[in-house]
């Protein structure tokens, strides 16, 4: 228990800092679907989403990676009472939109907007939702680091031979802040391998100028329009972006995301088909480390004597060989106390620091939280 104290000036001796730590997170398609078959995929009785793990989910060493689901707006042309799980698909869309987009002035849930302009523009009314686990994203996804590569070949036997890359290319500088869930960026698509995208003037699209979704950084949710799996003219409200050679067969469930499967296949089936076309994904997560730094200043005439009973033997200081020598101490620990002399934190030095009346010292004590 300390017997002598020194006050810290709250205005001069304490500062607060923030440090952002980043970690690279790679997710390969082999983990998402392939290495463990379906043993690392957990389906639920409600059938509203799938959970993906990095190992068979019944194992104690399995880690949750992300959830995947899909849905559409009640205003979508795909919405019809005869469709499979029509009500649940609308509920999922509304739930995600309520959390990520919020309500308008009438109290109605807003629809996802391709360009982030909530006052108008093209809406995303049919979407896939990929919600990454907090274990991976930590405090948020680092802006400008997200990449998702999808196989878009119409041949279900070789879907990866034609691929497109989706990324938040302007995320670090042009992110939006008009979401109740925090900051988000626009996802753009470009050809990666082959020629899966629609042609413009005889050349394939490589300029990243077509928005296909939104990425919510703090929430860790990617919203992707279903048109990434459909053929159609570029920048249209209801068409897709694929070229004729990659047009999905709208009559079968094997080519997920096309109008037929999106309407007639259950959510778990659409999630399965989406997962099977993930070639890889990667991003950097962010851990926000807040610190309070205390500068503990020891003047020449302070703390030159120890309160430790073993410091003195037979009325003599153990650290003095000659009576005329200056007193000395070795500082090993710094305690931070409240105004009521209650010990709040303890800092340990890496090695003892000698202190005499001829020396002064300033110690930098950092509290992280």
Protein backbone atom coordinates (compact mmCIF):
# COMPACT_ATOMS: atom_id res chain seq x y z
CA UNK A 1 0.00 0.00 0.00
CA UNK A 2 1.46 3.32 -1.05
CA UNK A 3 2.13 5.85 1.69
CA UNK A 4 3.07 8.82 -0.48
CA UNK A 5 1.19 10.12 -3.51
CA UNK A 6 1.62 12.69 -6.26
CA UNK A 7 -1.26 14.39 -8.02
CA UNK A 8 -1.57 14.16 -11.80
CA UNK A 9 -2.60 17.31 -13.65
CA UNK A 10 -5.72 16.33 -15.59
CA UNK A 11 -5.10 18.95 -18.27
CA UNK A 12 -1.34 18.60 -18.75
CA UNK A 13 -0.47 15.03 -17.79
CA UNK A 14 -3.27 13.01 -19.44
CA UNK A 15 -4.06 12.63 -23.14
CA UNK A 16 -6.35 10.25 -25.06
CA UNK A 17 -5.43 8.53 -28.34
CA UNK A 18 -7.07 6.11 -30.78
CA UNK A 19 -5.24 3.45 -32.78
CA UNK A 20 -6.75 1.35 -35.58
CA UNK A 21 -5.38 -2.16 -35.92
CA UNK A 22 -6.06 -4.14 -39.11
CA UNK A 23 -5.95 -7.87 -39.83
CA UNK A 24 -6.27 -9.52 -43.24
CA UNK A 25 -9.18 -11.99 -43.49
CA UNK A 26 -9.10 -14.40 -46.49
CA UNK A 27 -12.11 -16.65 -47.15
CA UNK A 28 -11.62 -19.24 -49.89
CA UNK A 29 -14.40 -20.93 -51.80
CA UNK A 30 -13.03 -24.30 -50.75
CA UNK A 31 -13.94 -23.51 -47.13
CA UNK A 32 -17.34 -22.05 -47.99
CA UNK A 33 -18.36 -25.13 -50.00
CA UNK A 34 -16.15 -28.06 -50.86
CA UNK A 35 -13.64 -29.03 -48.20
CA UNK A 36 -16.17 -30.35 -45.69
CA UNK A 37 -19.12 -30.92 -47.99
CA UNK A 38 -22.13 -29.56 -46.11
CA UNK A 39 -20.87 -30.42 -42.63
CA UNK A 40 -19.75 -26.84 -42.02
CA UNK A 41 -23.12 -25.45 -43.14
CA UNK A 42 -25.86 -25.13 -40.56
CA UNK A 43 -29.48 -24.90 -41.66
CA UNK A 44 -32.28 -23.98 -39.28
CA UNK A 45 -35.85 -25.22 -39.00
CA UNK A 46 -37.18 -21.74 -39.81
CA UNK A 47 -35.35 -21.90 -43.15
CA UNK A 48 -34.59 -18.18 -43.28
CA UNK A 49 -30.78 -18.25 -43.52
CA UNK A 50 -27.71 -20.47 -43.51
CA UNK A 51 -24.68 -20.21 -41.23
CA UNK A 52 -21.22 -21.01 -42.58
CA UNK A 53 -18.36 -22.25 -40.38
CA UNK A 54 -14.67 -22.83 -41.07
CA UNK A 55 -14.94 -26.41 -39.80
CA UNK A 56 -17.79 -28.90 -39.27
CA UNK A 57 -20.13 -26.86 -37.07
CA UNK A 58 -20.66 -29.68 -34.54
CA UNK A 59 -16.98 -29.52 -33.68
CA UNK A 60 -15.92 -27.49 -30.65
CA UNK A 61 -13.14 -25.89 -32.72
CA UNK A 62 -15.49 -24.52 -35.42
CA UNK A 63 -15.65 -20.75 -35.91
CA UNK A 64 -18.64 -18.94 -37.37
CA UNK A 65 -17.69 -17.12 -40.61
CA UNK A 66 -20.88 -15.59 -42.01
CA UNK A 67 -24.60 -16.03 -42.59
CA UNK A 68 -26.16 -15.88 -46.03
CA UNK A 69 -29.80 -15.28 -46.97
CA UNK A 70 -31.91 -13.53 -49.59
CA UNK A 71 -35.15 -11.63 -49.97
CA UNK A 72 -37.10 -9.14 -52.00
CA UNK A 73 -39.23 -6.07 -51.45
CA UNK A 74 -43.01 -6.24 -51.49
CA UNK A 75 -42.70 -3.83 -54.44
CA UNK A 76 -40.58 -6.30 -56.42
CA UNK A 77 -41.91 -7.84 -59.62
CA UNK A 78 -40.79 -11.19 -58.16
CA UNK A 79 -43.18 -10.91 -55.22
CA UNK A 80 -46.26 -13.11 -55.60
CA UNK A 81 -48.24 -15.14 -53.10
CA UNK A 82 -47.70 -18.34 -55.09
CA UNK A 83 -43.89 -18.13 -54.76
CA UNK A 84 -41.93 -20.28 -52.31
CA UNK A 85 -41.60 -18.61 -48.91
CA UNK A 86 -42.83 -15.35 -50.39
CA UNK A 87 -43.76 -13.90 -47.01
CA UNK A 88 -40.46 -14.88 -45.41
CA UNK A 89 -38.46 -13.41 -48.29
CA UNK A 90 -40.30 -10.12 -47.90
CA UNK A 91 -39.82 -10.23 -44.12
CA UNK A 92 -36.08 -10.75 -44.48
CA UNK A 93 -35.78 -7.85 -46.91
CA UNK A 94 -37.81 -5.60 -44.61
CA UNK A 95 -35.83 -6.62 -41.54
CA UNK A 96 -32.47 -5.92 -43.20
CA UNK A 97 -33.74 -2.67 -44.73
CA UNK A 98 -35.19 -1.48 -41.42
CA UNK A 99 -31.86 -1.98 -39.64
CA UNK A 100 -29.54 -0.80 -42.42
CA UNK A 101 -31.59 1.84 -44.28
CA UNK A 102 -34.21 2.94 -41.78
CA UNK A 103 -37.58 4.64 -42.27
CA UNK A 104 -38.70 7.59 -44.35
CA UNK A 105 -40.72 10.59 -43.12
CA UNK A 106 -43.97 8.60 -43.36
CA UNK A 107 -42.65 5.80 -41.15
CA UNK A 108 -42.36 3.37 -44.07
CA UNK A 109 -39.27 1.17 -44.41
CA UNK A 110 -36.90 2.49 -47.07
CA UNK A 111 -35.67 0.24 -49.88
CA UNK A 112 -31.97 -0.31 -50.53
CA UNK A 113 -30.62 2.26 -52.98
CA UNK A 114 -27.86 1.44 -55.48
CA UNK A 115 -26.14 4.82 -55.28
CA UNK A 116 -26.90 5.60 -51.63
CA UNK A 117 -29.15 8.54 -52.54
CA UNK A 118 -32.18 7.77 -50.41
CA UNK A 119 -34.28 10.47 -52.10
CA UNK A 120 -34.48 8.61 -55.41
CA UNK A 121 -32.44 6.56 -57.87
CA UNK A 122 -32.46 2.87 -58.72
CA UNK A 123 -33.56 0.60 -55.89
CA UNK A 124 -32.26 -2.85 -55.02
CA UNK A 125 -35.49 -4.76 -54.60
CA UNK A 126 -34.11 -8.31 -54.91
CA UNK A 127 -30.98 -9.00 -52.91
CA UNK A 128 -28.64 -11.49 -51.33
CA UNK A 129 -27.43 -10.65 -47.81
CA UNK A 130 -24.06 -11.81 -46.46
CA UNK A 131 -23.62 -11.02 -42.77
CA UNK A 132 -20.03 -11.58 -41.57
CA UNK A 133 -19.43 -12.67 -38.00
CA UNK A 134 -18.17 -10.25 -35.38
CA UNK A 135 -15.26 -12.66 -34.82
CA UNK A 136 -13.98 -11.71 -38.28
CA UNK A 137 -14.87 -8.04 -38.69
CA UNK A 138 -14.05 -7.00 -35.08
CA UNK A 139 -15.19 -3.35 -34.86
CA UNK A 140 -15.69 -2.87 -38.61
CA UNK A 141 -14.53 -3.83 -42.11
CA UNK A 142 -11.71 -1.57 -43.26
CA UNK A 143 -12.98 0.77 -45.95
CA UNK A 144 -11.69 0.03 -49.44
CA UNK A 145 -10.44 -3.48 -48.59
CA UNK A 146 -13.43 -5.68 -49.46
CA UNK A 147 -13.25 -8.04 -52.46
CA UNK A 148 -15.72 -10.80 -53.37
CA UNK A 149 -15.11 -12.92 -56.48
CA UNK A 150 -18.05 -14.88 -57.88
CA UNK A 151 -18.31 -17.53 -60.58
CA UNK A 152 -20.89 -16.41 -63.15
CA UNK A 153 -20.68 -18.99 -65.92
CA UNK A 154 -24.11 -20.30 -66.94
CA UNK A 155 -22.70 -23.83 -67.03
CA UNK A 156 -23.34 -25.09 -63.51
CA UNK A 157 -20.69 -27.79 -64.03
CA UNK A 158 -17.98 -25.13 -64.46
CA UNK A 159 -19.30 -21.94 -62.84
CA UNK A 160 -15.85 -20.53 -62.02
CA UNK A 161 -14.50 -20.41 -65.58
CA UNK A 162 -16.08 -16.97 -65.93
CA UNK A 163 -15.81 -14.78 -62.87
CA UNK A 164 -16.43 -11.22 -61.78
CA UNK A 165 -14.91 -9.28 -58.91
CA UNK A 166 -17.03 -7.12 -56.59
CA UNK A 167 -15.33 -4.52 -54.40
CA UNK A 168 -15.82 -1.21 -52.59
CA UNK A 169 -13.25 0.57 -54.72
CA UNK A 170 -14.08 4.06 -53.39
CA UNK A 171 -14.87 2.99 -49.84
CA UNK A 172 -12.01 4.80 -48.14
CA UNK A 173 -12.90 8.20 -49.62
CA UNK A 174 -16.55 8.14 -50.72
CA UNK A 175 -18.40 6.21 -48.03
CA UNK A 176 -21.94 7.20 -47.01
CA UNK A 177 -23.09 8.19 -43.54
CA UNK A 178 -26.89 8.32 -43.95
CA UNK A 179 -27.56 4.86 -42.50
CA UNK A 180 -28.77 4.16 -38.95
CA UNK A 181 -26.26 1.28 -38.88
CA UNK A 182 -23.23 3.51 -39.48
CA UNK A 183 -21.04 4.03 -42.53
CA UNK A 184 -21.38 2.12 -45.79
CA UNK A 185 -19.89 2.05 -49.26
CA UNK A 186 -21.10 1.15 -52.74
CA UNK A 187 -19.99 -2.15 -54.26
CA UNK A 188 -18.94 -2.17 -57.93
CA UNK A 189 -18.39 -5.08 -60.29
CA UNK A 190 -15.72 -5.79 -62.90
CA UNK A 191 -14.67 -8.78 -65.00
CA UNK A 192 -12.06 -10.98 -63.32
CA UNK A 193 -11.74 -14.08 -65.55
CA UNK A 194 -13.48 -14.74 -68.85
CA UNK A 195 -16.21 -12.42 -70.09
CA UNK A 196 -19.18 -12.75 -67.74
CA UNK A 197 -20.38 -9.17 -67.94
CA UNK A 198 -22.47 -7.45 -70.56
CA UNK A 199 -20.66 -5.80 -73.44
CA UNK A 200 -20.54 -2.09 -74.09
CA UNK A 201 -19.36 -0.94 -77.50
CA UNK A 202 -17.82 -4.32 -78.31
CA UNK A 203 -15.55 -4.42 -75.23
CA UNK A 204 -16.15 -6.19 -71.97
CA UNK A 205 -16.75 -4.21 -68.84
CA UNK A 206 -13.58 -3.56 -66.83
CA UNK A 207 -14.14 -0.07 -65.49
CA UNK A 208 -15.85 -0.80 -62.14
CA UNK A 209 -18.60 1.70 -62.92
CA UNK A 210 -21.65 -0.49 -62.38
CA UNK A 211 -22.95 -0.52 -58.78
CA UNK A 212 -24.24 -3.92 -57.66
CA UNK A 213 -24.64 -3.58 -53.93
CA UNK A 214 -23.79 -1.95 -50.62
CA UNK A 215 -21.32 -2.80 -47.87
CA UNK A 216 -22.11 -1.72 -44.30
CA UNK A 217 -18.76 -1.46 -42.54
CA UNK A 218 -19.71 -1.44 -38.86
CA UNK A 219 -22.56 -3.92 -39.27
CA UNK A 220 -20.41 -6.22 -41.44
CA UNK A 221 -23.20 -6.84 -43.97
CA UNK A 222 -22.88 -7.01 -47.75
CA UNK A 223 -26.06 -6.43 -49.78
CA UNK A 224 -25.85 -7.71 -53.38
CA UNK A 225 -28.45 -7.23 -56.07
CA UNK A 226 -29.78 -10.42 -57.65
CA UNK A 227 -29.11 -8.89 -61.08
CA UNK A 228 -25.48 -10.04 -60.81
CA UNK A 229 -26.80 -13.45 -61.89
CA UNK A 230 -29.13 -12.24 -64.65
CA UNK A 231 -28.82 -11.14 -68.26
CA UNK A 232 -29.95 -7.65 -69.18
CA UNK A 233 -29.02 -4.17 -70.30
CA UNK A 234 -26.65 -2.23 -68.08
CA UNK A 235 -27.98 0.28 -65.57
CA UNK A 236 -31.63 -0.73 -65.95
CA UNK A 237 -34.04 -1.01 -63.09
CA UNK A 238 -35.15 -4.58 -63.70
CA UNK A 239 -32.46 -6.14 -65.88
CA UNK A 240 -29.27 -8.00 -65.06
CA UNK A 241 -25.66 -7.36 -66.01
CA UNK A 242 -24.55 -10.66 -67.55
CA UNK A 243 -23.68 -11.10 -71.21
CA UNK A 244 -25.51 -13.54 -73.43
CA UNK A 245 -22.90 -16.28 -73.00
CA UNK A 246 -23.43 -16.19 -69.23
CA UNK A 247 -27.20 -15.86 -69.15
CA UNK A 248 -28.54 -17.94 -66.28
CA UNK A 249 -31.15 -20.55 -67.09
CA UNK A 250 -34.23 -19.04 -65.50
CA UNK A 251 -36.09 -22.34 -65.39
CA UNK A 252 -33.78 -24.29 -63.08
CA UNK A 253 -32.63 -23.91 -59.51
CA UNK A 254 -29.03 -24.81 -60.32
CA UNK A 255 -28.42 -21.34 -61.72
CA UNK A 256 -29.27 -19.36 -58.64
CA UNK A 257 -30.24 -15.73 -58.76
CA UNK A 258 -32.14 -15.97 -62.03
CA UNK A 259 -35.78 -15.00 -61.86
CA UNK A 260 -37.03 -18.57 -61.79
CA UNK A 261 -34.95 -19.84 -58.90
CA UNK A 262 -35.16 -16.62 -56.93
CA UNK A 263 -38.95 -16.94 -56.88
CA UNK A 264 -39.55 -20.67 -56.80
CA UNK A 265 -36.68 -22.02 -54.70
CA UNK A 266 -36.65 -21.78 -50.92
CA UNK A 267 -34.23 -19.44 -49.14
CA UNK A 268 -31.90 -22.27 -48.11
CA UNK A 269 -31.70 -23.42 -51.73
CA UNK A 270 -30.83 -19.94 -52.95
CA UNK A 271 -28.22 -19.63 -50.19
CA UNK A 272 -26.72 -22.95 -51.25
CA UNK A 273 -26.45 -21.87 -54.88
CA UNK A 274 -24.94 -18.53 -53.93
CA UNK A 275 -22.29 -20.18 -51.75
CA UNK A 276 -21.33 -22.58 -54.54
CA UNK A 277 -20.38 -19.60 -56.70
CA UNK A 278 -18.10 -17.92 -54.17
CA UNK A 279 -14.57 -18.24 -55.56
CA UNK A 280 -13.02 -16.27 -52.72
CA UNK A 281 -13.57 -13.26 -50.49
CA UNK A 282 -11.19 -11.08 -48.55
CA UNK A 283 -11.12 -7.93 -46.48
CA UNK A 284 -9.24 -6.30 -43.61
CA UNK A 285 -10.96 -6.01 -40.30
CA UNK A 286 -10.48 -3.13 -37.87
CA UNK A 287 -9.95 -3.12 -34.12
CA UNK A 288 -10.29 0.29 -32.51
CA UNK A 289 -7.88 0.58 -29.62
CA UNK A 290 -8.57 3.55 -27.34
CA UNK A 291 -5.82 4.59 -24.96
CA UNK A 292 -5.42 7.05 -22.10
CA UNK A 293 -1.81 8.06 -21.57
CA UNK A 294 -0.70 9.33 -18.16
CA UNK A 295 2.61 11.15 -17.89
CA UNK A 296 3.94 10.43 -14.42
CA UNK A 297 6.67 12.96 -13.61
CA UNK A 298 9.14 12.26 -10.79
CA UNK A 299 11.18 15.29 -9.67
CA UNK A 300 14.67 15.11 -8.19
CA UNK A 301 13.43 15.43 -4.61
CA UNK A 302 10.62 12.88 -4.87
CA UNK A 303 10.45 9.12 -4.28
CA UNK A 304 14.05 8.77 -3.13
CA UNK A 305 13.00 6.60 -0.22
CA UNK A 306 11.10 3.33 -0.26
CA UNK A 307 8.15 2.48 1.96
CA UNK A 308 9.09 -1.19 1.77
CA UNK A 309 10.03 -2.39 5.28
CA UNK A 310 12.97 -4.36 3.87
CA UNK A 311 14.51 -1.13 2.55
CA UNK A 312 15.99 -0.52 6.01
CA UNK A 313 17.92 -2.93 8.17
CA UNK A 314 19.29 -1.97 11.60
CA UNK A 315 18.28 1.65 10.88
CA UNK A 316 20.45 1.68 7.77
CA UNK A 317 19.48 1.75 4.09
CA UNK A 318 20.39 -1.48 2.34
CA UNK A 319 21.33 0.36 -0.89
CA UNK A 320 23.98 2.54 0.83
CA UNK A 321 27.46 1.28 1.46
CA UNK A 322 28.75 4.56 2.95
CA UNK A 323 26.70 6.81 5.20
CA UNK A 324 27.56 9.85 3.10
CA UNK A 325 26.18 8.28 -0.06
CA UNK A 326 22.98 9.68 -1.54
CA UNK A 327 19.81 7.69 -0.92
CA UNK A 328 18.59 5.66 -3.87
CA UNK A 329 15.56 3.63 -4.88
CA UNK A 330 14.68 1.36 -7.77
CA UNK A 331 11.29 2.04 -9.33
CA UNK A 332 9.58 -1.14 -10.51
CA UNK A 333 5.86 -0.35 -10.31
CA UNK A 334 3.58 2.65 -10.81
CA UNK A 335 0.12 2.72 -9.25
CA UNK A 336 -2.72 4.97 -10.33
CA UNK A 337 -5.05 5.90 -7.46
CA UNK A 338 -8.38 7.64 -7.15
CA UNK A 339 -8.94 10.77 -5.06
CA UNK A 340 -9.94 8.46 -2.20
CA UNK A 341 -6.56 6.65 -2.42
CA UNK A 342 -8.14 3.58 -4.03
CA UNK A 343 -5.80 1.64 -6.32
CA UNK A 344 -7.28 1.65 -9.84
CA UNK A 345 -4.47 0.41 -12.07
CA UNK A 346 -0.94 -0.95 -11.81
CA UNK A 347 1.82 -0.53 -14.40
CA UNK A 348 4.94 -2.71 -14.30
CA UNK A 349 8.26 -1.52 -15.69
CA UNK A 350 10.26 -3.88 -17.89
CA UNK A 351 13.29 -3.34 -15.65
CA UNK A 352 13.98 -1.45 -12.40
CA UNK A 353 14.86 2.23 -12.85
CA UNK A 354 17.32 3.72 -10.37
CA UNK A 355 16.21 6.98 -8.75
CA UNK A 356 18.43 9.35 -6.74
CA UNK A 357 18.19 13.03 -5.70
CA UNK A 358 20.38 13.81 -8.72
CA UNK A 359 17.94 12.36 -11.29
CA UNK A 360 14.44 13.04 -12.56
CA UNK A 361 12.22 10.83 -14.67
CA UNK A 362 8.99 10.89 -16.67
CA UNK A 363 7.08 7.64 -17.09
CA UNK A 364 4.48 7.12 -19.84
CA UNK A 365 1.66 4.91 -18.52
CA UNK A 366 -0.86 3.76 -21.13
CA UNK A 367 -4.28 2.31 -20.34
CA UNK A 368 -5.88 0.49 -23.30
CA UNK A 369 -9.59 -0.24 -23.56
